Amino acid sequence: MFGLHTLKNHPFAVEAFFSSSLVLTYAVAKEELQNYLPPCLTLDTYADQWAFVAVAMVQTKHLRPKGLPAWMGNDFFLTGYRIFVRYTTKEGKRLRGLYILKSETDSKKMEFLGNFFTHYQYTTTDIRLQTTVNHVKIQSAQSALDIEVILHQPNTPLPVTSPFLDWKEARRFAGPLPFTFTYNAENQQVLIIEGVRENWTPTPVEVIKHQVGFLGKQNFKTIRLANAFVIENIPYFWKKGRID
């Protein structure tokens, strides 16, 4: 039966343009992240020890229902906190994707629309973004966020705390993954949202600072920075959500 609650299930396709997406991925002992997931999802792990939570900071332009002209879209900054997961559909197809913990934006309009059409738990926060040709700084007093990275450096090293052996391994956990999952405990149903993009080429960045208030509040006993990438100038769209 159709109801207002069904509007939160991504009822139409959406498109946008990512001017820049900076993603920091943290390795957490798998035992500490398991309790954050609904029973239908499993952690996407590395070396049977580490699970991963990513902080994606995205300068988004022209977000709108797919097919509408760009000028009708919304521009905003998004910070998303996501766990890397796996899901097996009722037909037995195995999917790799993300489970959203929280989403933050600098736009009240986006907070309202995001919470009306998704389950992504948007809140509004302050964001200060400073960029130069090879340097990015992202700060938020309200979210206790203080990120600073250097771009376009040759032979950028992995973070010293990374569990990965090289950037090739780290790339598997750079995002974005094709699918995002939301679980409805009342109906025991999974909402699957599929993203589509082209020319997604993450470039490693050197991290100078990485204070993330949301992760600090989780009090993880074992957490370490695993990788950091930036992706620039990417058209992106999400298909209409489907229930499994």
C-alpha atoms as a PDB file:
ATOM      1  CA  MET A   1       0.000   0.000   0.000  1.00  0.00           C
ATOM      2  CA  PHE A   2       1.275   3.451  -0.912  1.00  0.00           C
ATOM      3  CA  GLY A   3       1.871   5.886   1.927  1.00  0.00           C
ATOM      4  CA  LEU A   4       3.994   8.883   2.761  1.00  0.00           C
ATOM      5  CA  HIS A   5       6.576   6.542   4.295  1.00  0.00           C
ATOM      6  CA  THR A   6       7.191   5.032   0.857  1.00  0.00           C
ATOM      7  CA  LEU A   7       8.498   8.395  -0.365  1.00  0.00           C
ATOM      8  CA  LYS A   8      11.625   7.743   1.701  1.00  0.00           C
ATOM      9  CA  ASN A   9      12.426   4.738  -0.505  1.00  0.00           C
ATOM     10  CA  HIS A  10      14.126   6.743  -3.278  1.00  0.00           C
ATOM     11  CA  PRO A  11      10.966   6.830  -5.430  1.00  0.00           C
ATOM     12  CA  PHE A  12      12.683   8.277  -8.529  1.00  0.00           C
ATOM     13  CA  ALA A  13      16.120   8.329 -10.159  1.00  0.00           C
ATOM     14  CA  VAL A  14      18.406  11.202  -9.152  1.00  0.00           C
ATOM     15  CA  GLU A  15      21.419  12.738 -10.861  1.00  0.00           C
ATOM     16  CA  ALA A  16      24.168  15.112  -9.764  1.00  0.00           C
ATOM     17  CA  PHE A  17      27.690  16.300 -10.504  1.00  0.00           C
ATOM     18  CA  PHE A  18      30.518  15.718  -8.020  1.00  0.00           C
ATOM     19  CA  SER A  19      32.997  18.586  -8.272  1.00  0.00           C
ATOM     20  CA  SER A  20      35.132  16.830  -5.708  1.00  0.00           C
ATOM     21  CA  SER A  21      34.816  13.811  -3.448  1.00  0.00           C
ATOM     22  CA  LEU A  22      37.399  13.298  -0.720  1.00  0.00           C
ATOM     23  CA  VAL A  23      37.134   9.896   0.971  1.00  0.00           C
ATOM     24  CA  LEU A  24      38.989   8.787   4.084  1.00  0.00           C
ATOM     25  CA  THR A  25      38.550   5.113   4.965  1.00  0.00           C
ATOM     26  CA  TYR A  26      39.233   3.778   8.443  1.00  0.00           C
ATOM     27  CA  ALA A  27      39.975   0.190   9.406  1.00  0.00           C
ATOM     28  CA  VAL A  28      38.156  -0.983  12.527  1.00  0.00           C
ATOM     29  CA  ALA A  29      38.381  -4.367  14.220  1.00  0.00           C
ATOM     30  CA  LYS A  30      35.500  -6.317  12.671  1.00  0.00           C
ATOM     31  CA  GLU A  31      34.047  -7.255  16.052  1.00  0.00           C
ATOM     32  CA  GLU A  32      33.484  -3.579  16.825  1.00  0.00           C
ATOM     33  CA  LEU A  33      31.567  -2.784  13.624  1.00  0.00           C
ATOM     34  CA  GLN A  34      29.346  -5.868  13.451  1.00  0.00           C
ATOM     35  CA  ASN A  35      26.782  -4.485  15.912  1.00  0.00           C
ATOM     36  CA  TYR A  36      26.167  -1.456  13.691  1.00  0.00           C
ATOM     37  CA  LEU A  37      24.628  -3.622  10.957  1.00  0.00           C
ATOM     38  CA  PRO A  38      21.146  -5.115  10.570  1.00  0.00           C
ATOM     39  CA  PRO A  39      21.073  -8.936  10.455  1.00  0.00           C
ATOM     40  CA  CYS A  40      20.764  -9.110   6.655  1.00  0.00           C
ATOM     41  CA  LEU A  41      24.133  -7.439   6.015  1.00  0.00           C
ATOM     42  CA  THR A  42      27.658  -8.706   6.595  1.00  0.00           C
ATOM     43  CA  LEU A  43      30.897  -6.791   6.866  1.00  0.00           C
ATOM     44  CA  ASP A  44      33.192  -6.514   3.861  1.00  0.00           C
ATOM     45  CA  THR A  45      36.472  -7.456   5.520  1.00  0.00           C
ATOM     46  CA  TYR A  46      40.183  -7.572   4.802  1.00  0.00           C
ATOM     47  CA  ALA A  47      42.479 -10.325   6.112  1.00  0.00           C
ATOM     48  CA  ASP A  48      39.537 -11.611   8.169  1.00  0.00           C
ATOM     49  CA  GLN A  49      40.419  -8.963  10.737  1.00  0.00           C
ATOM     50  CA  TRP A  50      39.524  -5.504   9.520  1.00  0.00           C
ATOM     51  CA  ALA A  51      36.182  -3.964   8.594  1.00  0.00           C
ATOM     52  CA  PHE A  52      35.915  -0.457   7.150  1.00  0.00           C
ATOM     53  CA  VAL A  53      34.017   2.768   7.717  1.00  0.00           C
ATOM     54  CA  ALA A  54      34.450   5.603   5.216  1.00  0.00           C
ATOM     55  CA  VAL A  55      34.024   9.347   5.599  1.00  0.00           C
ATOM     56  CA  ALA A  56      33.072  10.856   2.238  1.00  0.00           C
ATOM     57  CA  MET A  57      33.153  14.650   1.873  1.00  0.00           C
ATOM     58  CA  VAL A  58      31.511  15.657  -1.380  1.00  0.00           C
ATOM     59  CA  GLN A  59      31.027  19.006  -3.110  1.00  0.00           C
ATOM     60  CA  THR A  60      27.783  18.256  -4.955  1.00  0.00           C
ATOM     61  CA  LYS A  61      26.220  20.332  -7.732  1.00  0.00           C
ATOM     62  CA  HIS A  62      22.873  20.237  -9.556  1.00  0.00           C
ATOM     63  CA  LEU A  63      21.315  17.376  -7.551  1.00  0.00           C
ATOM     64  CA  ARG A  64      17.844  16.803  -9.043  1.00  0.00           C
ATOM     65  CA  PRO A  65      15.410  14.169 -10.279  1.00  0.00           C
ATOM     66  CA  LYS A  66      16.975  12.566 -13.339  1.00  0.00           C
ATOM     67  CA  GLY A  67      15.917  14.238 -16.574  1.00  0.00           C
ATOM     68  CA  LEU A  68      15.369  17.727 -15.162  1.00  0.00           C
ATOM     69  CA  PRO A  69      17.690  20.524 -16.328  1.00  0.00           C
ATOM     70  CA  ALA A  70      20.773  21.217 -14.214  1.00  0.00           C
ATOM     71  CA  TRP A  71      19.602  24.693 -13.216  1.00  0.00           C
ATOM     72  CA  MET A  72      16.750  23.127 -11.259  1.00  0.00           C
ATOM     73  CA  GLY A  73      19.200  21.168  -9.086  1.00  0.00           C
ATOM     74  CA  ASN A  74      20.612  21.895  -5.643  1.00  0.00           C
ATOM     75  CA  ASP A  75      24.236  22.620  -4.724  1.00  0.00           C
ATOM     76  CA  PHE A  76      25.468  21.577  -1.299  1.00  0.00           C
ATOM     77  CA  PHE A  77      28.271  19.966   0.673  1.00  0.00           C
ATOM     78  CA  LEU A  78      27.741  16.432   1.963  1.00  0.00           C
ATOM     79  CA  THR A  79      29.590  14.431   4.581  1.00  0.00           C
ATOM     80  CA  GLY A  80      28.561  10.767   4.685  1.00  0.00           C
ATOM     81  CA  TYR A  81      29.605   8.079   7.162  1.00  0.00           C
ATOM     82  CA  ARG A  82      29.318   4.577   5.664  1.00  0.00           C
ATOM     83  CA  ILE A  83      30.304   0.988   6.403  1.00  0.00           C
ATOM     84  CA  PHE A  84      31.532  -1.340   3.637  1.00  0.00           C
ATOM     85  CA  VAL A  85      29.157  -4.317   3.525  1.00  0.00           C
ATOM     86  CA  ARG A  86      27.921  -7.298   1.509  1.00  0.00           C
ATOM     87  CA  TYR A  87      24.372  -8.447   0.876  1.00  0.00           C
ATOM     88  CA  THR A  88      22.896 -11.571  -0.719  1.00  0.00           C
ATOM     89  CA  THR A  89      19.551 -11.002  -2.465  1.00  0.00           C
ATOM     90  CA  LYS A  90      16.599 -13.379  -2.276  1.00  0.00           C
ATOM     91  CA  GLU A  91      17.662 -14.692  -5.695  1.00  0.00           C
ATOM     92  CA  GLY A  92      21.121 -15.474  -4.330  1.00  0.00           C
ATOM     93  CA  LYS A  93      22.977 -12.633  -6.034  1.00  0.00           C
ATOM     94  CA  ARG A  94      25.854 -11.315  -3.942  1.00  0.00           C
ATOM     95  CA  LEU A  95      26.230  -7.542  -3.872  1.00  0.00           C
ATOM     96  CA  ARG A  96      28.940  -5.326  -2.439  1.00  0.00           C
ATOM     97  CA  GLY A  97      27.971  -1.902  -1.169  1.00  0.00           C
ATOM     98  CA  LEU A  98      27.571   0.584   1.650  1.00  0.00           C
ATOM     99  CA  TYR A  99      25.431   0.949   4.758  1.00  0.00           C
ATOM    100  CA  ILE A 100      24.776   4.559   5.784  1.00  0.00           C
ATOM    101  CA  LEU A 101      25.331   5.502   9.425  1.00  0.00           C
ATOM    102  CA  LYS A 102      24.765   9.237   9.117  1.00  0.00           C
ATOM    103  CA  SER A 103      24.732  12.093   6.590  1.00  0.00           C
ATOM    104  CA  GLU A 104      25.545  15.768   7.157  1.00  0.00           C
ATOM    105  CA  THR A 105      25.008  18.759   4.876  1.00  0.00           C
ATOM    106  CA  ASP A 106      25.510  22.517   4.949  1.00  0.00           C
ATOM    107  CA  SER A 107      22.050  23.043   3.411  1.00  0.00           C
ATOM    108  CA  LYS A 108      18.774  23.118   5.366  1.00  0.00           C
ATOM    109  CA  LYS A 109      16.925  22.496   2.116  1.00  0.00           C
ATOM    110  CA  MET A 110      18.979  19.375   1.490  1.00  0.00           C
ATOM    111  CA  GLU A 111      18.413  18.185   5.049  1.00  0.00           C
ATOM    112  CA  PHE A 112      14.647  18.440   4.542  1.00  0.00           C
ATOM    113  CA  LEU A 113      14.586  16.848   1.088  1.00  0.00           C
ATOM    114  CA  GLY A 114      17.124  14.188   2.044  1.00  0.00           C
ATOM    115  CA  ASN A 115      15.067  13.072   5.035  1.00  0.00           C
ATOM    116  CA  PHE A 116      11.833  13.199   3.017  1.00  0.00           C
ATOM    117  CA  PHE A 117      13.064  10.965   0.187  1.00  0.00           C
ATOM    118  CA  THR A 118      15.737   8.800   1.888  1.00  0.00           C
ATOM    119  CA  HIS A 119      16.574   7.019   5.138  1.00  0.00           C
ATOM    120  CA  TYR A 120      20.034   8.576   5.300  1.00  0.00           C
ATOM    121  CA  GLN A 121      19.507  10.560   8.526  1.00  0.00           C
ATOM    122  CA  TYR A 122      20.571  14.006   7.338  1.00  0.00           C
ATOM    123  CA  THR A 123      21.458  16.754   9.772  1.00  0.00           C
ATOM    124  CA  THR A 124      22.675  20.274   9.027  1.00  0.00           C
ATOM    125  CA  THR A 125      26.125  21.364  10.093  1.00  0.00           C
ATOM    126  CA  ASP A 126      28.615  24.140   9.428  1.00  0.00           C
ATOM    127  CA  ILE A 127      31.259  23.467   6.791  1.00  0.00           C
ATOM    128  CA  ARG A 128      34.326  25.538   5.944  1.00  0.00           C
ATOM    129  CA  LEU A 129      36.077  24.434   2.764  1.00  0.00           C
ATOM    130  CA  GLN A 130      39.442  25.841   1.683  1.00  0.00           C
ATOM    131  CA  THR A 131      41.103  24.650  -1.518  1.00  0.00           C
ATOM    132  CA  THR A 132      44.160  25.463  -3.576  1.00  0.00           C
ATOM    133  CA  VAL A 133      45.708  23.652  -6.516  1.00  0.00           C
ATOM    134  CA  ASN A 134      47.251  20.977  -4.298  1.00  0.00           C
ATOM    135  CA  HIS A 135      45.772  21.466  -0.862  1.00  0.00           C
ATOM    136  CA  VAL A 136      42.328  20.905   0.704  1.00  0.00           C
ATOM    137  CA  LYS A 137      41.158  21.791   4.194  1.00  0.00           C
ATOM    138  CA  ILE A 138      37.660  20.906   5.469  1.00  0.00           C
ATOM    139  CA  GLN A 139      36.533  22.043   8.902  1.00  0.00           C
ATOM    140  CA  SER A 140      33.331  22.010  10.949  1.00  0.00           C
ATOM    141  CA  ALA A 141      33.053  23.298  14.507  1.00  0.00           C
ATOM    142  CA  GLN A 142      29.640  21.716  15.038  1.00  0.00           C
ATOM    143  CA  SER A 143      30.760  18.289  13.748  1.00  0.00           C
ATOM    144  CA  ALA A 144      34.275  18.475  15.229  1.00  0.00           C
ATOM    145  CA  LEU A 145      35.700  17.872  11.759  1.00  0.00           C
ATOM    146  CA  ASP A 146      39.223  18.941  10.877  1.00  0.00           C
ATOM    147  CA  ILE A 147      40.614  17.408   7.677  1.00  0.00           C
ATOM    148  CA  GLU A 148      43.688  18.534   5.780  1.00  0.00           C
ATOM    149  CA  VAL A 149      45.199  16.769   2.762  1.00  0.00           C
ATOM    150  CA  ILE A 150      47.800  17.380   0.067  1.00  0.00           C
ATOM    151  CA  LEU A 151      46.824  16.579  -3.520  1.00  0.00           C
ATOM    152  CA  HIS A 152      48.746  15.630  -6.652  1.00  0.00           C
ATOM    153  CA  GLN A 153      51.887  14.508  -4.874  1.00  0.00           C
ATOM    154  CA  PRO A 154      54.028  11.962  -6.754  1.00  0.00           C
ATOM    155  CA  ASN A 155      54.604   8.687  -4.907  1.00  0.00           C
ATOM    156  CA  THR A 156      52.059   9.474  -2.197  1.00  0.00           C
ATOM    157  CA  PRO A 157      52.608   6.943   0.595  1.00  0.00           C
ATOM    158  CA  LEU A 158      49.870   4.940   2.260  1.00  0.00           C
ATOM    159  CA  PRO A 159      49.026   6.157   5.766  1.00  0.00           C
ATOM    160  CA  VAL A 160      51.523   4.617   8.161  1.00  0.00           C
ATOM    161  CA  THR A 161      48.624   3.038  10.069  1.00  0.00           C
ATOM    162  CA  SER A 162      47.148   1.335   6.990  1.00  0.00           C
ATOM    163  CA  PRO A 163      46.664  -2.456   7.096  1.00  0.00           C
ATOM    164  CA  PHE A 164      47.020  -2.591   3.303  1.00  0.00           C
ATOM    165  CA  LEU A 165      50.243  -3.632   1.632  1.00  0.00           C
ATOM    166  CA  ASP A 166      49.906  -1.211  -1.285  1.00  0.00           C
ATOM    167  CA  TRP A 167      47.554   1.220  -3.040  1.00  0.00           C
ATOM    168  CA  LYS A 168      46.193  -1.565  -5.247  1.00  0.00           C
ATOM    169  CA  GLU A 169      44.776  -3.305  -2.192  1.00  0.00           C
ATOM    170  CA  ALA A 170      43.610  -0.008  -0.708  1.00  0.00           C
ATOM    171  CA  ARG A 171      41.749   0.879  -3.916  1.00  0.00           C
ATOM    172  CA  ARG A 172      39.165  -1.867  -3.232  1.00  0.00           C
ATOM    173  CA  PHE A 173      37.997   0.159  -0.255  1.00  0.00           C
ATOM    174  CA  ALA A 174      38.095   3.597  -1.862  1.00  0.00           C
ATOM    175  CA  GLY A 175      34.419   3.781  -2.829  1.00  0.00           C
ATOM    176  CA  PRO A 176      31.975   4.415  -4.103  1.00  0.00           C
ATOM    177  CA  LEU A 177      30.528   0.945  -4.318  1.00  0.00           C
ATOM    178  CA  PRO A 178      27.643   0.291  -6.723  1.00  0.00           C
ATOM    179  CA  PHE A 179      24.992  -0.322  -4.084  1.00  0.00           C
ATOM    180  CA  THR A 180      23.679   1.280  -0.917  1.00  0.00           C
ATOM    181  CA  PHE A 181      21.420  -0.679   1.440  1.00  0.00           C
ATOM    182  CA  THR A 182      18.729   0.339   3.918  1.00  0.00           C
ATOM    183  CA  TYR A 183      16.963  -2.171   6.157  1.00  0.00           C
ATOM    184  CA  ASN A 184      13.324  -1.958   7.258  1.00  0.00           C
ATOM    185  CA  ALA A 185      13.178  -4.011  10.450  1.00  0.00           C
ATOM    186  CA  GLU A 186       9.376  -3.857  10.657  1.00  0.00           C
ATOM    187  CA  ASN A 187       8.879  -5.414   7.212  1.00  0.00           C
ATOM    188  CA  GLN A 188      12.208  -7.258   7.148  1.00  0.00           C
ATOM    189  CA  GLN A 189      12.881  -5.773   3.732  1.00  0.00           C
ATOM    190  CA  VAL A 190      16.028  -4.349   2.193  1.00  0.00           C
ATOM    191  CA  LEU A 191      15.968  -1.218   0.043  1.00  0.00           C
ATOM    192  CA  ILE A 192      18.676  -1.314  -2.634  1.00  0.00           C
ATOM    193  CA  ILE A 193      19.864   1.863  -4.353  1.00  0.00           C
ATOM    194  CA  GLU A 194      22.222   1.442  -7.286  1.00  0.00           C
ATOM    195  CA  GLY A 195      24.606   4.205  -8.295  1.00  0.00           C
ATOM    196  CA  VAL A 196      25.965   4.644 -11.817  1.00  0.00           C
ATOM    197  CA  ARG A 197      29.071   6.624 -12.713  1.00  0.00           C
ATOM    198  CA  GLU A 198      31.767   6.885 -15.388  1.00  0.00           C
ATOM    199  CA  ASN A 199      35.492   7.590 -15.270  1.00  0.00           C
ATOM    200  CA  TRP A 200      35.772   7.046 -11.524  1.00  0.00           C
ATOM    201  CA  THR A 201      39.518   7.306 -10.980  1.00  0.00           C
ATOM    202  CA  PRO A 202      40.502   7.831  -7.336  1.00  0.00           C
ATOM    203  CA  THR A 203      43.828   9.578  -6.764  1.00  0.00           C
ATOM    204  CA  PRO A 204      45.713   8.984  -3.492  1.00  0.00           C
ATOM    205  CA  VAL A 205      46.198  11.993  -1.216  1.00  0.00           C
ATOM    206  CA  GLU A 206      48.537  12.590   1.704  1.00  0.00           C
ATOM    207  CA  VAL A 207      46.657  13.188   4.950  1.00  0.00           C
ATOM    208  CA  ILE A 208      47.986  15.885   7.285  1.00  0.00           C
ATOM    209  CA  LYS A 209      45.040  16.009   9.713  1.00  0.00           C
ATOM    210  CA  HIS A 210      42.029  13.740  10.133  1.00  0.00           C
ATOM    211  CA  GLN A 211      39.938  14.633  13.159  1.00  0.00           C
ATOM    212  CA  VAL A 212      36.427  13.192  12.701  1.00  0.00           C
ATOM    213  CA  GLY A 213      34.042  13.933  15.564  1.00  0.00           C
ATOM    214  CA  PHE A 214      31.418  11.358  14.638  1.00  0.00           C
ATOM    215  CA  LEU A 215      33.936   8.522  14.686  1.00  0.00           C
ATOM    216  CA  GLY A 216      35.433   9.777  17.921  1.00  0.00           C
ATOM    217  CA  LYS A 217      32.037   9.506  19.595  1.00  0.00           C
ATOM    218  CA  GLN A 218      31.840   5.802  18.725  1.00  0.00           C
ATOM    219  CA  ASN A 219      34.751   5.047  21.081  1.00  0.00           C
ATOM    220  CA  PHE A 220      36.226   2.349  18.875  1.00  0.00           C
ATOM    221  CA  LYS A 221      39.050   0.574  20.677  1.00  0.00           C
ATOM    222  CA  THR A 222      40.853  -0.317  17.465  1.00  0.00           C
ATOM    223  CA  ILE A 223      40.621   2.179  14.587  1.00  0.00           C
ATOM    224  CA  ARG A 224      43.246   3.343  12.125  1.00  0.00           C
ATOM    225  CA  LEU A 225      43.367   5.390   8.939  1.00  0.00           C
ATOM    226  CA  ALA A 226      43.580   2.926   6.046  1.00  0.00           C
ATOM    227  CA  ASN A 227      43.510   5.055   2.891  1.00  0.00           C
ATOM    228  CA  ALA A 228      42.571   8.437   1.466  1.00  0.00           C
ATOM    229  CA  PHE A 229      41.552   9.315  -2.092  1.00  0.00           C
ATOM    230  CA  VAL A 230      40.109  12.226  -4.018  1.00  0.00           C
ATOM    231  CA  ILE A 231      37.896  12.004  -7.114  1.00  0.00           C
ATOM    232  CA  GLU A 232      37.040  15.081  -9.195  1.00  0.00           C
ATOM    233  CA  ASN A 233      34.494  16.188 -11.819  1.00  0.00           C
ATOM    234  CA  ILE A 234      32.265  13.118 -12.004  1.00  0.00           C
ATOM    235  CA  PRO A 235      28.673  12.945 -13.350  1.00  0.00           C
ATOM    236  CA  TYR A 236      26.705  10.521 -11.183  1.00  0.00           C
ATOM    237  CA  PHE A 237      23.185   9.188 -10.907  1.00  0.00           C
ATOM    238  CA  TRP A 238      21.225   6.847  -8.670  1.00  0.00           C
ATOM    239  CA  LYS A 239      18.530   4.527  -9.947  1.00  0.00           C
ATOM    240  CA  LYS A 240      15.104   4.383  -8.344  1.00  0.00           C
ATOM    241  CA  GLY A 241      15.211   2.313  -5.161  1.00  0.00           C
ATOM    242  CA  ARG A 242      14.038  -1.295  -5.269  1.00  0.00           C
ATOM    243  CA  ILE A 243      12.814  -3.533  -2.472  1.00  0.00           C
ATOM    244  CA  ASP A 244      14.214  -6.995  -1.878  1.00  0.00           C
END
